[in-house]
Amino acid sequence: MKQALDGERVIVVGAGIIGIACAHYLSKAGFSVAVIDRGTIAGACSQANCGYICPSHVLPLTEPDAIGVALKSLLNRNAPFRVKPSFRPAFWNWMWQFTRRCNHRQMLWAGAHLKAILDSSLVEYRQLISAEKFDCEWKENGLLYVLQSEAGMEKFAKMDRMLTEHFGVTAERVEGNDLPALEPALKSGLAGAFHYKNDVSVRPDLLNVAWTDSLQESGVEFIENCQLLDVVKAHGQITHLETSQGELSADRFIFATGAWA
């Protein structure tokens, strides 16, 4: 990362895990950093997630059969992956762009880029948590995909072979009779599972608190309940932000607002 000039100030909009990470590396590079959020620090998706860091999760949403799942979600308000229908042209343009990318070639292309990000993320998290001594229940127990039926096992095995062939990601197959020894909490009668041993997990709430506390001690400012109202520009450059807590100026601005972007 480029080192800061004397007195350079950065405002990060969004205090989720991405905003927190931006603040960390900017501060290390010598920038004066303030992070603002419309709510509380890590109060949205960065708080309510499983905390998995998964090098095995290399396949993108644009798998060949994803369009069928997306279309079914239009009629199911409780679908795990749902695209809210709309009559706006932008929605149908997005659906068209998504559909044309739901093919095997595109899936492998995107997967290669995702693998690079996931692998480097695991390395970076491991170094960060070790160096900063964050108490966040870091566990290197892997991730277990459990299947109820033999048909499900065979379908997953096919995908695992594809992951091995194209990405070098391989799971250990666990038969149903061996599951209780690996995870006693599982019910009986399951067909089996696939264990990706290189995946890890953290407690997101503990990581967020530990990381934020560390950044505040190093001089990073966090401003909660600060609603962004307007981005003011002059000559094509952002000059300042209008917020519910007044005008905020900086030399550089980063927008890490997740789904609000």
C-alpha atoms as a PDB file:
ATOM      1  CA  MET A   1       0.000   0.000   0.000  1.00  0.00           C
ATOM      2  CA  LYS A   2       1.117   3.552  -0.757  1.00  0.00           C
ATOM      3  CA  GLN A   3       2.442   5.338   2.319  1.00  0.00           C
ATOM      4  CA  ALA A   4       0.566   8.433   3.500  1.00  0.00           C
ATOM      5  CA  LEU A   5       1.844  11.944   3.072  1.00  0.00           C
ATOM      6  CA  ASP A   6       2.093  13.977   6.269  1.00  0.00           C
ATOM      7  CA  GLY A   7      -1.357  14.714   7.642  1.00  0.00           C
ATOM      8  CA  GLU A   8      -3.315  12.820   4.978  1.00  0.00           C
ATOM      9  CA  ARG A   9      -6.770  11.973   6.288  1.00  0.00           C
ATOM     10  CA  VAL A  10      -9.084   9.218   5.068  1.00  0.00           C
ATOM     11  CA  ILE A  11     -12.761   8.758   5.850  1.00  0.00           C
ATOM     12  CA  VAL A  12     -14.123   5.226   5.520  1.00  0.00           C
ATOM     13  CA  VAL A  13     -17.898   5.047   5.108  1.00  0.00           C
ATOM     14  CA  GLY A  14     -19.137   1.779   6.582  1.00  0.00           C
ATOM     15  CA  ALA A  15     -17.959   0.135   9.807  1.00  0.00           C
ATOM     16  CA  GLY A  16     -18.467  -3.471   8.786  1.00  0.00           C
ATOM     17  CA  ILE A  17     -15.612  -5.950   8.518  1.00  0.00           C
ATOM     18  CA  ILE A  18     -14.460  -4.431   5.198  1.00  0.00           C
ATOM     19  CA  GLY A  19     -14.443  -0.911   6.627  1.00  0.00           C
ATOM     20  CA  ILE A  20     -12.613  -2.114   9.724  1.00  0.00           C
ATOM     21  CA  ALA A  21     -10.010  -3.890   7.583  1.00  0.00           C
ATOM     22  CA  CYS A  22      -9.553  -0.771   5.433  1.00  0.00           C
ATOM     23  CA  ALA A  23      -9.004   1.292   8.576  1.00  0.00           C
ATOM     24  CA  HIS A  24      -6.424  -1.209   9.839  1.00  0.00           C
ATOM     25  CA  TYR A  25      -4.218  -1.171   6.760  1.00  0.00           C
ATOM     26  CA  LEU A  26      -4.624   2.566   6.159  1.00  0.00           C
ATOM     27  CA  SER A  27      -3.571   3.256   9.733  1.00  0.00           C
ATOM     28  CA  LYS A  28      -0.564   0.948   9.338  1.00  0.00           C
ATOM     29  CA  ALA A  29       0.392   2.950   6.224  1.00  0.00           C
ATOM     30  CA  GLY A  30       0.385   6.192   8.209  1.00  0.00           C
ATOM     31  CA  PHE A  31      -2.981   7.691   7.292  1.00  0.00           C
ATOM     32  CA  SER A  32      -5.201   9.459   9.802  1.00  0.00           C
ATOM     33  CA  VAL A  33      -8.435   7.454   9.638  1.00  0.00           C
ATOM     34  CA  ALA A  34     -12.039   8.027  10.645  1.00  0.00           C
ATOM     35  CA  VAL A  35     -14.751   5.410  10.111  1.00  0.00           C
ATOM     36  CA  ILE A  36     -18.407   6.422  10.037  1.00  0.00           C
ATOM     37  CA  ASP A  37     -21.517   4.247  10.023  1.00  0.00           C
ATOM     38  CA  ARG A  38     -25.251   4.848   9.811  1.00  0.00           C
ATOM     39  CA  GLY A  39     -25.682   2.369  12.669  1.00  0.00           C
ATOM     40  CA  THR A  40     -23.247   0.751  15.062  1.00  0.00           C
ATOM     41  CA  ILE A  41     -19.817  -0.761  14.494  1.00  0.00           C
ATOM     42  CA  ALA A  42     -20.158  -4.130  12.721  1.00  0.00           C
ATOM     43  CA  GLY A  43     -23.864  -4.066  13.504  1.00  0.00           C
ATOM     44  CA  ALA A  44     -25.219  -5.655  10.322  1.00  0.00           C
ATOM     45  CA  CYS A  45     -23.942  -8.587   8.216  1.00  0.00           C
ATOM     46  CA  SER A  46     -20.493  -8.400   9.807  1.00  0.00           C
ATOM     47  CA  GLN A  47     -22.132  -9.356  13.101  1.00  0.00           C
ATOM     48  CA  ALA A  48     -24.742 -11.864  11.917  1.00  0.00           C
ATOM     49  CA  ASN A  49     -22.731 -14.388   9.927  1.00  0.00           C
ATOM     50  CA  CYS A  50     -21.156 -17.787  10.496  1.00  0.00           C
ATOM     51  CA  GLY A  51     -17.580 -16.514  10.664  1.00  0.00           C
ATOM     52  CA  TYR A  52     -16.246 -19.019   8.149  1.00  0.00           C
ATOM     53  CA  ILE A  53     -13.059 -18.388   6.190  1.00  0.00           C
ATOM     54  CA  CYS A  54     -13.410 -20.988   3.465  1.00  0.00           C
ATOM     55  CA  PRO A  55     -10.745 -21.614   0.806  1.00  0.00           C
ATOM     56  CA  SER A  56     -13.008 -24.468  -0.332  1.00  0.00           C
ATOM     57  CA  HIS A  57     -15.858 -22.121  -1.272  1.00  0.00           C
ATOM     58  CA  VAL A  58     -14.469 -21.254  -4.690  1.00  0.00           C
ATOM     59  CA  LEU A  59     -17.564 -21.616  -6.852  1.00  0.00           C
ATOM     60  CA  PRO A  60     -19.413 -18.362  -7.651  1.00  0.00           C
ATOM     61  CA  LEU A  61     -23.177 -17.840  -7.637  1.00  0.00           C
ATOM     62  CA  THR A  62     -23.115 -18.115 -11.422  1.00  0.00           C
ATOM     63  CA  GLU A  63     -23.126 -21.913 -11.530  1.00  0.00           C
ATOM     64  CA  PRO A  64     -24.846 -23.494 -14.559  1.00  0.00           C
ATOM     65  CA  ASP A  65     -28.022 -24.341 -12.609  1.00  0.00           C
ATOM     66  CA  ALA A  66     -28.163 -21.044 -10.690  1.00  0.00           C
ATOM     67  CA  ILE A  67     -30.643 -19.381 -13.028  1.00  0.00           C
ATOM     68  CA  GLY A  68     -33.254 -22.021 -12.177  1.00  0.00           C
ATOM     69  CA  VAL A  69     -32.743 -21.345  -8.476  1.00  0.00           C
ATOM     70  CA  ALA A  70     -32.972 -17.596  -9.083  1.00  0.00           C
ATOM     71  CA  LEU A  71     -36.220 -17.892 -11.047  1.00  0.00           C
ATOM     72  CA  LYS A  72     -37.820 -20.089  -8.383  1.00  0.00           C
ATOM     73  CA  SER A  73     -36.801 -17.539  -5.744  1.00  0.00           C
ATOM     74  CA  LEU A  74     -38.985 -14.929  -7.443  1.00  0.00           C
ATOM     75  CA  LEU A  75     -42.010 -16.842  -6.168  1.00  0.00           C
ATOM     76  CA  ASN A  76     -40.652 -17.760  -2.731  1.00  0.00           C
ATOM     77  CA  ARG A  77     -40.254 -14.944  -0.217  1.00  0.00           C
ATOM     78  CA  ASN A  78     -38.383 -17.274   2.163  1.00  0.00           C
ATOM     79  CA  ALA A  79     -35.856 -18.646  -0.327  1.00  0.00           C
ATOM     80  CA  PRO A  80     -32.256 -18.732   1.000  1.00  0.00           C
ATOM     81  CA  PHE A  81     -31.124 -17.002  -2.193  1.00  0.00           C
ATOM     82  CA  ARG A  82     -33.799 -14.599  -3.373  1.00  0.00           C
ATOM     83  CA  VAL A  83     -33.860 -11.997  -6.110  1.00  0.00           C
ATOM     84  CA  LYS A  84     -36.682  -9.544  -5.443  1.00  0.00           C
ATOM     85  CA  PRO A  85     -38.673  -9.059  -8.665  1.00  0.00           C
ATOM     86  CA  SER A  86     -39.088  -5.611 -10.164  1.00  0.00           C
ATOM     87  CA  PHE A  87     -40.443  -4.018 -13.341  1.00  0.00           C
ATOM     88  CA  ARG A  88     -37.469  -1.666 -13.536  1.00  0.00           C
ATOM     89  CA  PRO A  89     -35.324  -2.079 -16.686  1.00  0.00           C
ATOM     90  CA  ALA A  90     -32.205  -2.218 -14.516  1.00  0.00           C
ATOM     91  CA  PHE A  91     -33.515  -5.369 -12.820  1.00  0.00           C
ATOM     92  CA  TRP A  92     -34.129  -7.202 -16.081  1.00  0.00           C
ATOM     93  CA  ASN A  93     -30.761  -6.091 -17.425  1.00  0.00           C
ATOM     94  CA  TRP A  94     -29.152  -7.525 -14.279  1.00  0.00           C
ATOM     95  CA  MET A  95     -31.082 -10.782 -14.718  1.00  0.00           C
ATOM     96  CA  TRP A  96     -29.908 -11.025 -18.338  1.00  0.00           C
ATOM     97  CA  GLN A  97     -26.283 -10.372 -17.406  1.00  0.00           C
ATOM     98  CA  PHE A  98     -26.531 -12.934 -14.585  1.00  0.00           C
ATOM     99  CA  THR A  99     -28.153 -15.531 -16.863  1.00  0.00           C
ATOM    100  CA  ARG A 100     -25.548 -15.275 -19.616  1.00  0.00           C
ATOM    101  CA  ARG A 101     -22.814 -15.906 -17.060  1.00  0.00           C
ATOM    102  CA  CYS A 102     -24.398 -19.079 -15.673  1.00  0.00           C
ATOM    103  CA  ASN A 103     -22.227 -21.480 -17.645  1.00  0.00           C
ATOM    104  CA  HIS A 104     -19.355 -23.851 -16.945  1.00  0.00           C
ATOM    105  CA  ARG A 105     -16.629 -21.736 -18.572  1.00  0.00           C
ATOM    106  CA  GLN A 106     -17.605 -18.586 -16.678  1.00  0.00           C
ATOM    107  CA  MET A 107     -17.891 -20.545 -13.431  1.00  0.00           C
ATOM    108  CA  LEU A 108     -14.322 -21.828 -13.740  1.00  0.00           C
ATOM    109  CA  TRP A 109     -13.004 -18.390 -14.708  1.00  0.00           C
ATOM    110  CA  ALA A 110     -14.646 -16.716 -11.710  1.00  0.00           C
ATOM    111  CA  GLY A 111     -13.657 -19.592  -9.437  1.00  0.00           C
ATOM    112  CA  ALA A 112      -9.967 -19.131 -10.237  1.00  0.00           C
ATOM    113  CA  HIS A 113     -10.163 -15.489  -9.137  1.00  0.00           C
ATOM    114  CA  LEU A 114     -12.180 -16.360  -6.042  1.00  0.00           C
ATOM    115  CA  LYS A 115      -9.615 -18.990  -5.056  1.00  0.00           C
ATOM    116  CA  ALA A 116      -6.819 -16.419  -5.155  1.00  0.00           C
ATOM    117  CA  ILE A 117      -8.837 -14.100  -2.906  1.00  0.00           C
ATOM    118  CA  LEU A 118      -9.847 -16.866  -0.495  1.00  0.00           C
ATOM    119  CA  ASP A 119      -6.347 -18.319  -0.181  1.00  0.00           C
ATOM    120  CA  SER A 120      -4.766 -14.925   0.445  1.00  0.00           C
ATOM    121  CA  SER A 121      -7.538 -14.030   2.916  1.00  0.00           C
ATOM    122  CA  LEU A 122      -6.794 -17.115   4.993  1.00  0.00           C
ATOM    123  CA  VAL A 123      -3.082 -16.290   5.063  1.00  0.00           C
ATOM    124  CA  GLU A 124      -3.783 -12.666   5.991  1.00  0.00           C
ATOM    125  CA  TYR A 125      -6.266 -13.541   8.743  1.00  0.00           C
ATOM    126  CA  ARG A 126      -3.891 -16.093  10.218  1.00  0.00           C
ATOM    127  CA  GLN A 127      -1.062 -13.535  10.334  1.00  0.00           C
ATOM    128  CA  LEU A 128      -3.320 -10.764  11.650  1.00  0.00           C
ATOM    129  CA  ILE A 129      -4.856 -12.738  14.503  1.00  0.00           C
ATOM    130  CA  SER A 130      -1.489 -14.146  15.523  1.00  0.00           C
ATOM    131  CA  ALA A 131       0.275 -10.767  15.432  1.00  0.00           C
ATOM    132  CA  GLU A 132      -2.496  -8.817  17.182  1.00  0.00           C
ATOM    133  CA  LYS A 133      -3.345 -11.671  19.578  1.00  0.00           C
ATOM    134  CA  PHE A 134      -7.071 -11.264  19.022  1.00  0.00           C
ATOM    135  CA  ASP A 135      -9.221 -13.482  21.245  1.00  0.00           C
ATOM    136  CA  CYS A 136     -11.892 -14.486  18.715  1.00  0.00           C
ATOM    137  CA  GLU A 137     -12.170 -18.293  18.995  1.00  0.00           C
ATOM    138  CA  TRP A 138     -10.059 -18.995  15.915  1.00  0.00           C
ATOM    139  CA  LYS A 139     -10.605 -22.672  15.063  1.00  0.00           C
ATOM    140  CA  GLU A 140      -8.894 -24.721  12.368  1.00  0.00           C
ATOM    141  CA  ASN A 141     -11.351 -27.619  12.457  1.00  0.00           C
ATOM    142  CA  GLY A 142     -12.394 -27.457   8.834  1.00  0.00           C
ATOM    143  CA  LEU A 143     -15.919 -27.347   7.432  1.00  0.00           C
ATOM    144  CA  LEU A 144     -18.246 -30.339   7.249  1.00  0.00           C
ATOM    145  CA  TYR A 145     -20.864 -30.637   4.488  1.00  0.00           C
ATOM    146  CA  VAL A 146     -23.414 -33.185   5.705  1.00  0.00           C
ATOM    147  CA  LEU A 147     -25.726 -35.063   3.297  1.00  0.00           C
ATOM    148  CA  GLN A 148     -28.917 -36.939   4.157  1.00  0.00           C
ATOM    149  CA  SER A 149     -29.118 -39.239   1.118  1.00  0.00           C
ATOM    150  CA  GLU A 150     -26.823 -41.369  -0.999  1.00  0.00           C
ATOM    151  CA  ALA A 151     -27.993 -39.422  -4.044  1.00  0.00           C
ATOM    152  CA  GLY A 152     -26.859 -36.242  -2.333  1.00  0.00           C
ATOM    153  CA  MET A 153     -23.495 -37.834  -1.537  1.00  0.00           C
ATOM    154  CA  GLU A 154     -22.921 -38.804  -5.156  1.00  0.00           C
ATOM    155  CA  LYS A 155     -23.917 -35.378  -6.434  1.00  0.00           C
ATOM    156  CA  PHE A 156     -21.553 -33.708  -3.970  1.00  0.00           C
ATOM    157  CA  ALA A 157     -18.783 -36.188  -4.832  1.00  0.00           C
ATOM    158  CA  LYS A 158     -19.049 -35.124  -8.467  1.00  0.00           C
ATOM    159  CA  MET A 159     -18.635 -31.487  -7.475  1.00  0.00           C
ATOM    160  CA  ASP A 160     -15.708 -32.351  -5.199  1.00  0.00           C
ATOM    161  CA  ARG A 161     -13.933 -34.119  -8.069  1.00  0.00           C
ATOM    162  CA  MET A 162     -14.397 -31.004 -10.182  1.00  0.00           C
ATOM    163  CA  LEU A 163     -12.962 -28.818  -7.382  1.00  0.00           C
ATOM    164  CA  THR A 164      -9.976 -31.145  -7.122  1.00  0.00           C
ATOM    165  CA  GLU A 165      -9.358 -31.180 -10.863  1.00  0.00           C
ATOM    166  CA  HIS A 166      -9.634 -27.443 -11.489  1.00  0.00           C
ATOM    167  CA  PHE A 167      -8.701 -25.819  -8.163  1.00  0.00           C
ATOM    168  CA  GLY A 168      -6.750 -28.381  -6.145  1.00  0.00           C
ATOM    169  CA  VAL A 169      -9.393 -28.261  -3.397  1.00  0.00           C
ATOM    170  CA  THR A 170     -10.200 -31.703  -2.002  1.00  0.00           C
ATOM    171  CA  ALA A 171     -12.441 -32.936   0.796  1.00  0.00           C
ATOM    172  CA  GLU A 172     -12.188 -36.095   2.856  1.00  0.00           C
ATOM    173  CA  ARG A 173     -15.251 -38.270   2.336  1.00  0.00           C
ATOM    174  CA  VAL A 174     -16.834 -39.429   5.596  1.00  0.00           C
ATOM    175  CA  GLU A 175     -19.367 -42.268   5.522  1.00  0.00           C
ATOM    176  CA  GLY A 176     -22.473 -42.103   7.678  1.00  0.00           C
ATOM    177  CA  ASN A 177     -21.275 -44.730  10.172  1.00  0.00           C
ATOM    178  CA  ASP A 178     -18.162 -42.680  10.878  1.00  0.00           C
ATOM    179  CA  LEU A 179     -19.932 -39.351  11.448  1.00  0.00           C
ATOM    180  CA  PRO A 180     -20.631 -39.737  15.213  1.00  0.00           C
ATOM    181  CA  ALA A 181     -16.905 -39.957  15.929  1.00  0.00           C
ATOM    182  CA  LEU A 182     -16.289 -36.738  14.006  1.00  0.00           C
ATOM    183  CA  GLU A 183     -19.381 -34.805  15.148  1.00  0.00           C
ATOM    184  CA  PRO A 184     -21.410 -36.449  17.948  1.00  0.00           C
ATOM    185  CA  ALA A 185     -24.148 -33.790  17.759  1.00  0.00           C
ATOM    186  CA  LEU A 186     -25.380 -34.992  14.363  1.00  0.00           C
ATOM    187  CA  LYS A 187     -28.493 -37.156  14.187  1.00  0.00           C
ATOM    188  CA  SER A 188     -28.258 -40.803  13.182  1.00  0.00           C
ATOM    189  CA  GLY A 189     -29.157 -42.145   9.761  1.00  0.00           C
ATOM    190  CA  LEU A 190     -27.274 -39.584   7.685  1.00  0.00           C
ATOM    191  CA  ALA A 191     -25.654 -40.764   4.463  1.00  0.00           C
ATOM    192  CA  GLY A 192     -22.319 -39.096   5.138  1.00  0.00           C
ATOM    193  CA  ALA A 193     -20.347 -35.906   4.734  1.00  0.00           C
ATOM    194  CA  PHE A 194     -17.410 -34.205   3.060  1.00  0.00           C
ATOM    195  CA  HIS A 195     -14.811 -32.605   5.310  1.00  0.00           C
ATOM    196  CA  TYR A 196     -12.785 -29.655   3.977  1.00  0.00           C
ATOM    197  CA  LYS A 197      -9.988 -29.597   6.523  1.00  0.00           C
ATOM    198  CA  ASN A 198      -8.352 -26.324   5.468  1.00  0.00           C
ATOM    199  CA  ASP A 199     -11.386 -24.145   6.249  1.00  0.00           C
ATOM    200  CA  VAL A 200     -11.385 -22.206   9.515  1.00  0.00           C
ATOM    201  CA  SER A 201     -13.840 -20.232  11.619  1.00  0.00           C
ATOM    202  CA  VAL A 202     -13.917 -17.306  14.041  1.00  0.00           C
ATOM    203  CA  ARG A 203     -16.524 -15.697  16.283  1.00  0.00           C
ATOM    204  CA  PRO A 204     -17.405 -12.576  14.239  1.00  0.00           C
ATOM    205  CA  ASP A 205     -18.635 -10.625  17.257  1.00  0.00           C
ATOM    206  CA  LEU A 206     -15.410 -11.233  19.182  1.00  0.00           C
ATOM    207  CA  LEU A 207     -13.227 -10.440  16.167  1.00  0.00           C
ATOM    208  CA  ASN A 208     -15.090  -7.187  15.500  1.00  0.00           C
ATOM    209  CA  VAL A 209     -14.747  -6.017  19.106  1.00  0.00           C
ATOM    210  CA  ALA A 210     -11.078  -6.993  19.427  1.00  0.00           C
ATOM    211  CA  TRP A 211     -10.123  -5.427  16.093  1.00  0.00           C
ATOM    212  CA  THR A 212     -12.053  -2.214  16.731  1.00  0.00           C
ATOM    213  CA  ASP A 213     -10.587  -1.827  20.227  1.00  0.00           C
ATOM    214  CA  SER A 214      -7.093  -2.287  18.804  1.00  0.00           C
ATOM    215  CA  LEU A 215      -7.697   0.330  16.100  1.00  0.00           C
ATOM    216  CA  GLN A 216      -9.105   2.852  18.546  1.00  0.00           C
ATOM    217  CA  GLU A 217      -6.034   2.413  20.725  1.00  0.00           C
ATOM    218  CA  SER A 218      -3.881   3.188  17.676  1.00  0.00           C
ATOM    219  CA  GLY A 219      -5.796   6.406  16.944  1.00  0.00           C
ATOM    220  CA  VAL A 220      -8.514   5.380  14.482  1.00  0.00           C
ATOM    221  CA  GLU A 221     -11.768   7.275  15.105  1.00  0.00           C
ATOM    222  CA  PHE A 222     -15.137   5.514  14.864  1.00  0.00           C
ATOM    223  CA  ILE A 223     -18.320   7.595  14.559  1.00  0.00           C
ATOM    224  CA  GLU A 224     -21.525   5.621  15.024  1.00  0.00           C
ATOM    225  CA  ASN A 225     -25.082   6.651  14.078  1.00  0.00           C
ATOM    226  CA  CYS A 226     -23.654   8.976  11.447  1.00  0.00           C
ATOM    227  CA  GLN A 227     -25.923   8.902   8.394  1.00  0.00           C
ATOM    228  CA  LEU A 228     -24.369   9.859   5.052  1.00  0.00           C
ATOM    229  CA  LEU A 229     -26.665  12.449   3.449  1.00  0.00           C
ATOM    230  CA  ASP A 230     -24.683  13.712   0.475  1.00  0.00           C
ATOM    231  CA  VAL A 231     -21.340  13.393  -1.282  1.00  0.00           C
ATOM    232  CA  VAL A 232     -20.144  16.849  -2.302  1.00  0.00           C
ATOM    233  CA  LYS A 233     -17.822  17.163  -5.308  1.00  0.00           C
ATOM    234  CA  ALA A 234     -15.877  19.917  -7.020  1.00  0.00           C
ATOM    235  CA  HIS A 235     -14.019  19.510 -10.324  1.00  0.00           C
ATOM    236  CA  GLY A 236     -14.756  15.784 -10.313  1.00  0.00           C
ATOM    237  CA  GLN A 237     -13.243  15.222  -6.867  1.00  0.00           C
ATOM    238  CA  ILE A 238     -14.993  14.573  -3.554  1.00  0.00           C
ATOM    239  CA  THR A 239     -14.405  17.503  -1.210  1.00  0.00           C
ATOM    240  CA  HIS A 240     -16.494  16.521   1.786  1.00  0.00           C
ATOM    241  CA  LEU A 241     -19.445  14.538   3.062  1.00  0.00           C
ATOM    242  CA  GLU A 242     -22.683  15.908   4.417  1.00  0.00           C
ATOM    243  CA  THR A 243     -23.785  13.723   7.330  1.00  0.00           C
ATOM    244  CA  SER A 244     -26.336  13.716  10.119  1.00  0.00           C
ATOM    245  CA  GLN A 245     -23.506  14.804  12.414  1.00  0.00           C
ATOM    246  CA  GLY A 246     -22.307  17.642  10.215  1.00  0.00           C
ATOM    247  CA  GLU A 247     -19.763  18.164   7.452  1.00  0.00           C
ATOM    248  CA  LEU A 248     -16.782  15.805   7.293  1.00  0.00           C
ATOM    249  CA  SER A 249     -13.730  16.543   5.151  1.00  0.00           C
ATOM    250  CA  ALA A 250     -10.781  14.385   4.170  1.00  0.00           C
ATOM    251  CA  ASP A 251      -8.126  13.925   1.507  1.00  0.00           C
ATOM    252  CA  ARG A 252      -9.437  10.508   0.482  1.00  0.00           C
ATOM    253  CA  PHE A 253     -12.701   8.616   0.869  1.00  0.00           C
ATOM    254  CA  ILE A 254     -13.510   4.912   0.864  1.00  0.00           C
ATOM    255  CA  PHE A 255     -17.068   3.618   0.592  1.00  0.00           C
ATOM    256  CA  ALA A 256     -17.499   0.185   2.192  1.00  0.00           C
ATOM    257  CA  THR A 257     -21.261   0.157   2.580  1.00  0.00           C
ATOM    258  CA  GLY A 258     -22.049  -3.386   1.454  1.00  0.00           C
ATOM    259  CA  ALA A 259     -25.596  -3.815   0.190  1.00  0.00           C
ATOM    260  CA  TRP A 260     -26.202  -0.079   0.632  1.00  0.00           C
ATOM    261  CA  ALA A 261     -23.661   0.758  -2.075  1.00  0.00           C
END
